[in-house]
Amino acid sequence: MRRFSAIAGLAIVAGLTAGSALAATPGQTQSRASERPLLVCATDAATRRAFTREHGAAPQFITAREALSIQRTDAGWSTPRCMTAREFARYKDAATTFARAS
């Protein structure tokens, strides 16, 4: 049963990825959000080592306020930026509040 659920989960992820790729038109570029990836990261030593091993650089943490102040014209970054779980909750709450006000 576990093997089936793992295969089913991979199939769902692959289907979602293929669906989003098919939705893009040939002349359409990727969104700016994909050029500025954000990850929710812990601040412990093991997470820092794993992040460095995965991305080739130490994690750089940003706050919710910094993430919200990024403009479309700002340059992207090559390695993902990290947020703590608490900052991500603030970021999500602020983005939701801003969306309701618009």
Protein backbone atom coordinates (compact mmCIF):
# COMPACT_ATOMS: atom_id res chain seq x y z
CA MET A 1 0.00 0.00 0.00
CA ARG A 2 2.84 2.43 0.79
CA ARG A 3 4.42 1.77 -2.58
CA PHE A 4 1.15 2.50 -4.33
CA SER A 5 0.63 5.77 -2.45
CA ALA A 6 4.17 6.92 -3.22
CA ILE A 7 3.72 6.15 -6.92
CA ALA A 8 0.32 7.85 -6.93
CA GLY A 9 1.82 10.91 -5.22
CA LEU A 10 4.59 11.13 -7.81
CA ALA A 11 2.06 10.79 -10.61
CA ILE A 12 -0.03 13.63 -9.19
CA VAL A 13 3.00 15.91 -8.89
CA ALA A 14 4.08 15.03 -12.44
CA GLY A 15 0.58 15.74 -13.71
CA LEU A 16 0.44 19.12 -12.01
CA THR A 17 3.84 20.04 -13.39
CA ALA A 18 2.88 18.99 -16.91
CA GLY A 19 -0.40 20.88 -16.64
CA SER A 20 1.29 24.12 -15.68
CA ALA A 21 3.82 23.71 -18.49
CA LEU A 22 1.05 23.16 -21.00
CA ALA A 23 -0.85 26.22 -19.76
CA ALA A 24 2.01 28.56 -20.69
CA THR A 25 2.00 29.92 -24.21
CA PRO A 26 5.22 29.89 -26.27
CA GLY A 27 5.67 33.67 -26.09
CA GLN A 28 4.98 33.85 -22.39
CA THR A 29 7.93 34.15 -20.00
CA GLN A 30 8.13 32.74 -16.49
CA SER A 31 6.75 34.86 -13.70
CA ARG A 32 9.07 36.95 -11.56
CA ALA A 33 8.14 34.86 -8.53
CA SER A 34 9.93 31.88 -10.03
CA GLU A 35 13.08 34.01 -10.36
CA ARG A 36 12.96 34.79 -6.65
CA PRO A 37 12.31 31.48 -4.90
CA LEU A 38 11.55 31.51 -1.17
CA LEU A 39 11.85 28.52 1.14
CA VAL A 40 10.71 28.00 4.70
CA CYS A 41 13.89 26.97 6.53
CA ALA A 42 14.80 26.15 10.09
CA THR A 43 17.74 27.95 11.67
CA ASP A 44 19.57 24.92 13.06
CA ALA A 45 23.01 23.75 11.97
CA ALA A 46 21.74 20.63 10.18
CA THR A 47 19.42 22.70 8.00
CA ARG A 48 22.21 25.13 7.18
CA ARG A 49 24.50 22.26 6.13
CA ALA A 50 21.78 20.66 4.02
CA PHE A 51 20.94 23.97 2.34
CA THR A 52 24.61 24.63 1.60
CA ARG A 53 25.02 21.13 0.18
CA GLU A 54 21.88 21.51 -1.98
CA HIS A 55 22.35 25.06 -3.25
CA GLY A 56 26.08 25.70 -2.92
CA ALA A 57 25.77 28.68 -0.60
CA ALA A 58 24.77 29.36 2.99
CA PRO A 59 21.08 30.27 3.46
CA GLN A 60 20.21 33.95 3.45
CA PHE A 61 17.18 34.72 5.58
CA ILE A 62 14.79 37.52 4.71
CA THR A 63 11.87 38.94 6.64
CA ALA A 64 8.27 39.16 5.51
CA ARG A 65 8.63 42.93 5.13
CA GLU A 66 11.66 42.50 2.86
CA ALA A 67 9.82 39.92 0.75
CA LEU A 68 6.80 42.21 0.37
CA SER A 69 8.97 45.18 -0.60
CA ILE A 70 10.51 43.39 -3.60
CA GLN A 71 9.55 45.20 -6.78
CA ARG A 72 8.98 43.61 -10.18
CA THR A 73 11.95 45.53 -11.55
CA ASP A 74 14.34 44.21 -8.88
CA ALA A 75 16.84 41.61 -10.01
CA GLY A 76 16.19 37.97 -9.14
CA TRP A 77 18.60 35.76 -7.26
CA SER A 78 20.30 32.52 -8.15
CA THR A 79 19.94 30.69 -4.80
CA PRO A 80 16.64 30.59 -2.89
CA ARG A 81 16.16 32.87 0.08
CA CYS A 82 14.91 31.45 3.36
CA MET A 83 12.22 32.51 5.80
CA THR A 84 11.50 31.11 9.21
CA ALA A 85 8.05 29.57 9.67
CA ARG A 86 6.99 32.57 11.75
CA GLU A 87 8.09 35.06 9.07
CA PHE A 88 6.31 33.02 6.41
CA ALA A 89 3.09 33.20 8.44
CA ARG A 90 3.50 37.00 8.61
CA TYR A 91 4.22 37.12 4.88
CA LYS A 92 1.15 35.04 4.02
CA ASP A 93 -1.06 37.07 6.36
CA ALA A 94 0.17 40.39 4.96
CA ALA A 95 -0.24 39.22 1.36
CA THR A 96 -3.79 38.04 2.08
CA THR A 97 -4.66 41.30 3.79
CA PHE A 98 -3.23 43.28 0.87
CA ALA A 99 -5.21 41.19 -1.63
CA ARG A 100 -8.46 41.82 0.24
CA ALA A 101 -7.82 45.57 0.34
CA SER A 102 -7.14 45.82 -3.40
